[in-house]
Amino acid sequence: MTYVPVEGCPPATLVIAWPERSGSRGVAALVRAAAAVAQSRGMSTAVEATR
C-alpha cells in the first residue's frame, strides 16, 4: 500500500470491512499490514467492531 500526498486536498479515510464471523487469514493479514503502514507514517488507526 502506498500513497502520494497532494497539497490542498482534504484528508482521506481507508475503511476495511468484512463479515464478523470471517476467519480469513488473508483479510487479517491485510488489516495488519494496513495498520502497520498507517502507524509507520504517523497516521491514526482505529479498530471498531459493529453489528
N, C-alpha and C. Protein backbone atom coordinates (compact mmCIF):
# COMPACT_ATOMS: atom_id res chain seq x y z
N MET A 1 0.85 -1.15 0.00
CA MET A 1 0.00 0.00 0.00
C MET A 1 0.91 1.23 0.00
N THR A 2 0.52 2.19 -0.76
CA THR A 2 1.30 3.43 -0.81
C THR A 2 0.36 4.61 -1.05
N TYR A 3 0.88 5.78 -0.83
CA TYR A 3 0.09 6.98 -1.11
C TYR A 3 1.02 8.10 -1.52
N VAL A 4 0.45 9.10 -2.18
CA VAL A 4 1.20 10.28 -2.59
C VAL A 4 0.46 11.48 -2.01
N PRO A 5 1.12 12.25 -1.15
CA PRO A 5 0.47 13.44 -0.59
C PRO A 5 0.15 14.44 -1.70
N VAL A 6 -1.05 14.99 -1.67
CA VAL A 6 -1.46 16.01 -2.64
C VAL A 6 -1.87 17.23 -1.83
N GLU A 7 -1.13 18.31 -2.00
CA GLU A 7 -1.43 19.52 -1.23
C GLU A 7 -2.77 20.11 -1.66
N GLY A 8 -3.49 20.63 -0.68
CA GLY A 8 -4.75 21.28 -0.95
C GLY A 8 -5.96 20.35 -0.99
N CYS A 9 -5.75 19.06 -0.83
CA CYS A 9 -6.86 18.11 -0.82
C CYS A 9 -7.21 17.74 0.62
N PRO A 10 -8.48 17.48 0.87
CA PRO A 10 -8.87 17.07 2.23
C PRO A 10 -8.33 15.68 2.55
N PRO A 11 -8.17 15.35 3.83
CA PRO A 11 -7.70 14.02 4.21
C PRO A 11 -8.67 12.94 3.74
N ALA A 12 -8.15 11.76 3.54
CA ALA A 12 -8.96 10.62 3.12
C ALA A 12 -8.98 9.58 4.23
N THR A 13 -9.94 8.67 4.16
CA THR A 13 -10.07 7.60 5.13
C THR A 13 -10.15 6.27 4.39
N LEU A 14 -9.38 5.30 4.85
CA LEU A 14 -9.45 3.95 4.31
C LEU A 14 -10.21 3.10 5.30
N VAL A 15 -11.22 2.40 4.83
CA VAL A 15 -12.04 1.54 5.68
C VAL A 15 -12.03 0.14 5.09
N ILE A 16 -11.76 -0.84 5.93
CA ILE A 16 -11.80 -2.24 5.51
C ILE A 16 -12.87 -2.92 6.35
N ALA A 17 -13.83 -3.56 5.68
CA ALA A 17 -14.93 -4.23 6.40
C ALA A 17 -15.07 -5.65 5.88
N TRP A 18 -15.46 -6.55 6.78
CA TRP A 18 -15.66 -7.94 6.40
C TRP A 18 -16.66 -8.55 7.38
N PRO A 19 -17.25 -9.71 7.03
CA PRO A 19 -18.24 -10.34 7.92
C PRO A 19 -17.63 -10.67 9.29
N GLU A 20 -18.41 -10.47 10.32
CA GLU A 20 -17.96 -10.67 11.70
C GLU A 20 -17.41 -12.07 11.94
N ARG A 21 -18.01 -13.05 11.34
CA ARG A 21 -17.60 -14.44 11.58
C ARG A 21 -16.52 -14.92 10.62
N SER A 22 -15.99 -14.04 9.82
CA SER A 22 -14.97 -14.43 8.85
C SER A 22 -13.70 -14.88 9.56
N GLY A 23 -13.13 -15.98 9.09
CA GLY A 23 -11.87 -16.48 9.64
C GLY A 23 -10.75 -16.38 8.62
N SER A 24 -10.93 -15.49 7.65
CA SER A 24 -9.97 -15.36 6.56
C SER A 24 -8.62 -14.85 7.06
N ARG A 25 -7.60 -15.65 6.87
CA ARG A 25 -6.25 -15.22 7.24
C ARG A 25 -5.76 -14.12 6.31
N GLY A 26 -6.21 -14.16 5.06
CA GLY A 26 -5.82 -13.13 4.10
C GLY A 26 -6.33 -11.75 4.50
N VAL A 27 -7.59 -11.68 4.93
CA VAL A 27 -8.16 -10.41 5.37
C VAL A 27 -7.45 -9.94 6.63
N ALA A 28 -7.19 -10.84 7.55
CA ALA A 28 -6.48 -10.47 8.78
C ALA A 28 -5.09 -9.93 8.46
N ALA A 29 -4.41 -10.53 7.51
CA ALA A 29 -3.07 -10.06 7.12
C ALA A 29 -3.16 -8.68 6.48
N LEU A 30 -4.19 -8.45 5.64
CA LEU A 30 -4.37 -7.13 5.01
C LEU A 30 -4.59 -6.06 6.06
N VAL A 31 -5.44 -6.35 7.04
CA VAL A 31 -5.72 -5.38 8.10
C VAL A 31 -4.45 -5.07 8.90
N ARG A 32 -3.69 -6.10 9.25
CA ARG A 32 -2.44 -5.88 10.00
C ARG A 32 -1.46 -5.05 9.17
N ALA A 33 -1.33 -5.35 7.89
CA ALA A 33 -0.41 -4.61 7.02
C ALA A 33 -0.84 -3.15 6.88
N ALA A 34 -2.13 -2.93 6.68
CA ALA A 34 -2.63 -1.56 6.54
C ALA A 34 -2.40 -0.76 7.82
N ALA A 35 -2.64 -1.37 8.96
CA ALA A 35 -2.42 -0.68 10.24
C ALA A 35 -0.94 -0.39 10.45
N ALA A 36 -0.07 -1.32 10.08
CA ALA A 36 1.38 -1.11 10.24
C ALA A 36 1.86 0.04 9.36
N VAL A 37 1.38 0.10 8.13
CA VAL A 37 1.77 1.18 7.22
C VAL A 37 1.28 2.51 7.77
N ALA A 38 0.03 2.56 8.22
CA ALA A 38 -0.52 3.80 8.76
C ALA A 38 0.29 4.27 9.96
N GLN A 39 0.60 3.36 10.87
CA GLN A 39 1.37 3.73 12.06
C GLN A 39 2.78 4.19 11.68
N SER A 40 3.40 3.55 10.70
CA SER A 40 4.75 3.95 10.31
C SER A 40 4.78 5.33 9.67
N ARG A 41 3.63 5.78 9.17
CA ARG A 41 3.52 7.10 8.54
C ARG A 41 2.96 8.14 9.50
N GLY A 42 2.77 7.75 10.76
CA GLY A 42 2.26 8.69 11.75
C GLY A 42 0.76 8.94 11.66
N MET A 43 0.05 8.06 10.97
CA MET A 43 -1.40 8.21 10.83
C MET A 43 -2.09 7.49 11.99
N SER A 44 -3.28 7.94 12.32
CA SER A 44 -4.02 7.27 13.39
C SER A 44 -4.72 6.04 12.82
N THR A 45 -4.90 5.06 13.67
CA THR A 45 -5.63 3.86 13.29
C THR A 45 -6.67 3.57 14.34
N ALA A 46 -7.73 2.93 13.93
CA ALA A 46 -8.78 2.54 14.86
C ALA A 46 -9.36 1.22 14.40
N VAL A 47 -9.68 0.37 15.34
CA VAL A 47 -10.37 -0.88 15.05
C VAL A 47 -11.70 -0.79 15.76
N GLU A 48 -12.76 -0.95 15.02
CA GLU A 48 -14.10 -0.82 15.60
C GLU A 48 -14.94 -2.00 15.16
N ALA A 49 -15.57 -2.63 16.09
CA ALA A 49 -16.48 -3.73 15.78
C ALA A 49 -17.90 -3.22 15.89
N THR A 50 -18.67 -3.42 14.83
CA THR A 50 -20.08 -3.02 14.85
C THR A 50 -20.93 -4.20 14.42
N ARG A 51 -22.16 -4.16 14.76
CA ARG A 51 -23.09 -5.21 14.35
C ARG A 51 -24.17 -4.63 13.50
